[in-house]
Protein backbone atom coordinates (compact mmCIF):
# COMPACT_ATOMS: atom_id res chain seq x y z
CA MET A 1 0.00 0.00 0.00
CA ARG A 2 1.17 3.48 -0.84
CA PHE A 3 0.17 6.85 0.61
CA ALA A 4 0.92 10.05 -1.28
CA HIS A 5 -0.30 13.49 -2.25
CA SER A 6 -0.91 14.18 -5.91
CA PRO A 7 1.65 16.20 -7.89
CA GLN A 8 -1.05 18.82 -8.44
CA LEU A 9 -1.40 19.38 -4.71
CA TRP A 10 2.37 19.69 -4.26
CA ARG A 11 2.37 22.18 -7.14
CA ASP A 12 -0.40 24.28 -5.61
CA PHE A 13 0.74 23.99 -1.98
CA PRO A 14 4.54 23.57 -1.98
CA GLN A 15 4.69 24.56 1.70
CA LEU A 16 2.79 21.38 2.68
CA VAL A 17 4.43 19.23 5.36
CA PRO A 18 2.76 15.80 5.83
CA GLY A 19 3.67 13.36 8.57
CA VAL A 20 2.63 9.71 8.19
CA LEU A 21 2.74 6.82 10.66
CA HIS A 22 1.83 3.15 10.19
CA ALA A 23 1.15 0.82 13.14
CA LYS A 24 -0.04 -2.74 13.64
CA GLY A 25 -1.24 -4.31 16.89
CA ILE A 26 -3.70 -1.61 17.90
CA ALA A 27 -6.09 -2.70 20.66
CA ALA A 28 -9.06 -0.89 22.14
CA GLU A 29 -8.49 -2.02 25.73
CA ILE A 30 -5.19 -0.12 26.06
CA SER A 31 -5.11 3.05 28.15
CA ALA A 32 -3.23 6.08 26.82
CA GLU A 33 -4.77 8.35 29.44
CA GLU A 34 -1.52 9.67 30.92
CA THR A 35 -0.19 10.73 27.52
CA VAL A 36 -3.56 12.30 26.68
CA ARG A 37 -3.53 14.19 29.98
CA GLN A 38 -0.05 15.57 29.33
CA LEU A 39 -0.94 16.72 25.82
CA CYS A 40 -4.16 18.38 27.00
CA ALA A 41 -2.22 20.15 29.76
CA ARG A 42 0.19 21.45 27.13
CA THR A 43 -2.77 22.75 25.13
CA ALA A 44 -4.29 24.46 28.17
CA ALA A 45 -0.96 26.13 29.05
CA ARG A 46 -0.53 27.49 25.52
CA SER A 47 -4.09 28.76 25.52
CA ALA A 48 -3.56 30.57 28.82
CA GLU A 49 -0.38 32.22 27.54
CA GLY A 50 -1.83 33.25 24.19
CA GLY A 51 -5.28 34.44 25.20
CA GLY A 52 -7.15 31.30 24.22
CA GLN A 53 -8.18 32.06 20.63
CA GLU A 54 -7.20 29.27 18.23
CA SER A 55 -7.77 31.55 15.23
CA GLY A 56 -4.57 33.44 16.13
CA LEU A 57 -2.32 30.37 15.94
CA PRO A 58 -0.06 30.27 12.86
CA GLN A 59 -0.97 26.62 12.28
CA ILE A 60 -4.68 27.47 12.07
CA GLN A 61 -4.13 30.66 10.08
CA ALA A 62 -2.27 28.65 7.44
CA TRP A 63 -5.19 26.23 7.08
CA ARG A 64 -7.67 29.10 6.90
CA ARG A 65 -5.68 30.64 4.04
CA THR A 66 -5.57 27.26 2.30
CA PHE A 67 -9.31 26.70 2.64
CA ALA A 68 -9.95 30.20 1.29
CA ALA A 69 -7.68 29.45 -1.69
CA LEU A 70 -9.80 26.33 -2.33
CA GLY A 71 -12.98 28.41 -2.38
CA LEU A 72 -14.16 27.35 1.10
CA LYS A 73 -15.30 29.81 3.77
CA PRO A 74 -12.78 29.30 6.60
CA THR A 75 -15.37 30.03 9.31
CA GLN A 76 -17.85 27.58 7.78
CA TYR A 77 -15.43 24.76 7.01
CA ARG A 78 -12.67 24.44 9.57
CA CYS A 79 -9.71 22.07 9.62
CA ALA A 80 -10.11 19.28 12.17
CA ALA A 81 -7.53 20.80 14.54
CA GLU A 82 -9.40 24.10 14.73
CA SER A 83 -12.69 22.32 15.42
CA LEU A 84 -11.09 20.33 18.25
CA LEU A 85 -9.45 23.44 19.71
CA ARG A 86 -12.76 25.33 19.68
CA ARG A 87 -14.48 22.49 21.53
CA PHE A 88 -11.64 22.16 24.02
CA ARG A 89 -11.70 25.92 24.71
CA LYS A 90 -15.45 25.90 25.33
CA GLU A 91 -15.75 22.62 27.28
CA GLY A 92 -12.29 22.15 28.79
CA SER A 93 -12.05 18.54 27.59
CA LEU A 94 -12.83 16.19 24.72
CA PRO A 95 -15.05 13.08 24.86
CA ARG A 96 -13.28 9.73 25.05
CA ILE A 97 -13.93 7.63 21.92
CA HIS A 98 -11.16 5.03 21.48
CA PRO A 99 -7.70 5.20 23.11
CA LEU A 100 -5.94 5.75 19.78
CA ILE A 101 -8.43 8.42 18.67
CA ASP A 102 -8.13 10.06 22.08
CA LEU A 103 -4.33 10.11 21.71
CA CYS A 104 -4.42 11.58 18.21
CA ASN A 105 -7.03 14.17 19.17
CA ALA A 106 -4.90 15.25 22.12
CA ALA A 107 -1.82 15.46 19.89
CA SER A 108 -3.80 17.50 17.38
CA LEU A 109 -4.73 19.90 20.19
CA ALA A 110 -1.17 20.18 21.49
CA PHE A 111 0.36 20.89 18.08
CA ALA A 112 -2.68 22.63 16.49
CA ILE A 113 -2.17 20.33 13.49
CA PRO A 114 -4.92 18.15 11.93
CA VAL A 115 -4.35 14.44 12.60
CA GLY A 116 -6.41 11.76 10.84
CA VAL A 117 -6.51 8.04 11.71
CA PHE A 118 -7.59 5.46 9.13
CA ASP A 119 -8.40 1.77 9.61
CA LEU A 120 -6.32 0.14 6.89
CA ALA A 121 -8.63 -2.87 6.67
CA ARG A 122 -11.23 -0.48 5.24
CA ILE A 123 -9.01 1.04 2.53
CA SER A 124 -8.68 -0.53 -0.93
CA GLY A 125 -5.23 -0.31 -2.51
CA ASP A 126 -3.34 2.96 -2.37
CA LEU A 127 -4.51 6.12 -0.64
CA TRP A 128 -4.07 9.46 -2.40
CA VAL A 129 -4.77 13.01 -1.29
CA ARG A 130 -5.94 14.62 -4.52
CA TYR A 131 -8.51 16.76 -6.25
CA ALA A 132 -11.85 14.98 -6.61
CA ASP A 133 -13.36 14.10 -9.97
CA GLY A 134 -16.83 14.17 -8.42
CA ASP A 135 -17.83 10.54 -8.90
CA GLU A 136 -16.17 9.23 -5.71
CA VAL A 137 -18.30 7.94 -2.83
CA TYR A 138 -18.03 9.37 0.68
CA GLU A 139 -19.78 7.74 3.64
CA THR A 140 -20.75 9.90 6.62
CA PHE A 141 -20.60 8.68 10.22
CA ALA A 142 -24.39 8.30 10.02
CA GLY A 143 -24.01 5.92 7.07
CA ASP A 144 -25.28 8.29 4.39
CA GLU A 145 -23.46 8.54 1.06
CA GLU A 146 -22.29 11.79 -0.52
CA ARG A 147 -20.41 12.79 -3.67
CA PRO A 148 -17.52 15.21 -3.23
CA GLU A 149 -17.60 18.31 -5.39
CA PRO A 150 -15.30 18.19 -8.45
CA GLY A 151 -12.03 19.88 -7.52
CA GLU A 152 -12.52 19.32 -3.79
CA VAL A 153 -9.48 17.88 -2.00
CA ILE A 154 -10.18 14.34 -0.79
CA PHE A 155 -8.41 11.24 0.49
CA ALA A 156 -9.27 8.60 -2.13
CA ASP A 157 -8.39 4.92 -2.49
CA ASP A 158 -8.25 2.70 -5.58
CA ALA A 159 -11.95 1.84 -5.23
CA ARG A 160 -12.72 5.55 -5.67
CA ARG A 161 -13.98 5.81 -2.12
CA ALA A 162 -13.36 9.16 -0.42
CA HIS A 163 -12.05 8.71 3.13
CA ALA A 164 -12.01 12.45 3.88
CA ARG A 165 -13.71 15.49 2.40
CA ARG A 166 -12.49 19.08 2.08
CA TRP A 167 -8.96 17.94 2.86
CA THR A 168 -8.67 18.14 6.67
CA ASN A 169 -12.25 19.16 7.35
CA ARG A 170 -14.10 15.85 7.73
CA GLN A 171 -13.15 12.16 7.74
CA SER A 172 -15.39 9.34 6.58
CA GLY A 173 -17.17 6.94 8.87
CA HIS A 174 -16.23 4.10 6.52
CA SER A 175 -12.57 3.92 7.60
CA ALA A 176 -12.96 5.29 11.14
CA VAL A 177 -11.21 3.39 13.92
CA ARG A 178 -13.46 0.76 15.53
CA GLU A 179 -13.26 -1.58 18.50
CA GLU A 180 -11.83 -4.30 16.23
CA THR A 181 -9.32 -2.08 14.38
CA GLY A 182 -5.83 -3.58 14.43
CA GLU A 183 -3.82 -1.73 11.77
CA VAL A 184 -3.88 2.02 11.16
CA LEU A 185 -2.44 4.79 9.09
CA ILE A 186 -2.10 8.13 10.88
CA VAL A 187 -1.74 11.24 8.73
CA ALA A 188 -0.92 14.75 9.98
CA GLU A 189 -0.65 17.76 7.66
CA ALA A 190 0.58 21.30 8.20
CA LEU A 191 1.31 24.34 6.04
CA HIS A 192 2.77 26.96 8.42
CA GLU A 193 6.35 28.24 8.39
CA THR A 194 7.73 26.19 11.28
CA ALA A 195 5.88 23.01 10.26
CA PRO A 196 8.90 20.79 9.42
CA GLY A 197 10.33 20.78 12.95
CA GLU A 198 6.94 20.58 14.63
CA MET A 199 5.82 17.72 12.40
CA ALA A 200 8.94 15.73 13.28
CA GLU A 201 8.20 16.32 16.97
CA LEU A 202 4.57 15.29 16.51
CA MET A 203 5.63 12.03 14.85
CA ASP A 204 8.03 11.37 17.74
CA VAL A 205 5.28 11.96 20.32
CA LEU A 206 2.92 9.54 18.59
CA THR A 207 5.67 6.95 18.09
CA ASP A 208 6.68 7.09 21.77
CA ALA A 209 3.05 6.76 22.89
CA LEU A 210 2.45 3.74 20.67
CA ARG A 211 5.62 2.08 21.93
CA THR A 212 4.81 2.82 25.57
CA ASP A 213 1.06 2.27 25.69
CA TRP A 214 0.50 -0.33 22.95
CA SER A 215 3.95 -1.99 22.96
CA VAL A 216 4.12 -1.73 19.17
CA THR A 217 6.86 -0.31 16.97
CA PRO A 218 5.39 1.94 14.29
CA CYS A 219 7.18 3.32 11.27
CA SER A 220 6.81 6.96 10.31
CA ALA A 221 8.07 9.61 7.92
CA VAL A 222 7.80 13.31 7.22
CA LEU A 223 7.14 13.65 3.48
CA THR A 224 8.62 16.27 1.14
CA PRO A 225 8.26 17.14 -2.55
CA ALA A 226 11.49 15.19 -3.11
CA ALA A 227 10.21 12.19 -1.15
CA PRO A 228 6.41 12.46 -1.44
CA ALA A 229 5.30 8.84 -0.91
CA PHE A 230 5.02 6.53 2.10
CA GLU A 231 5.24 2.83 1.28
CA LEU A 232 3.92 0.17 3.66
């Protein structure tokens, strides 16, 4: 299996910095609560220092500019990290869903970078981040089917199933992590100026948590235009 962004996306967004991690041996009964607590505390401390508004963070500003360039209203369609930060600011916590999702959500908060988690058993062939043709199928978490708009950025597999819509705005319920999920692909994407160093740190944090809490050894990479693909 191969994960990559299309050449057209690299052309249009050369500042893109993707981080990718592959792990086997995921189990739902593992607790990652201590790591989640530490990451949420880091988020709360940054919020207290900076006044609490996620819209002022360079990571979020970069995604807002990108969404605007794609013809999306940034205050109507937000990247996943901004949505999580807004909820965390208002409620002071996030609901617990699955230990791996909880970990990735907490990491997304701490770094203000969108982090997606995909169940590899639900993906057919390769996974590309690319512009949609408009005939792909996207399944919501409620089980409804949608068609992405032509030109919309999606995560698409070889079966022409869209596993995310509007780039980092919304994942699909089809490949969401479940109780029985055992193998995952984690994808984080950033576009701000200091993204390369922060993405490497984010990959290290996730790798350490998977080694400590799940006792698995993942493999990861930070992709570049010169090395744009991640091979499993």
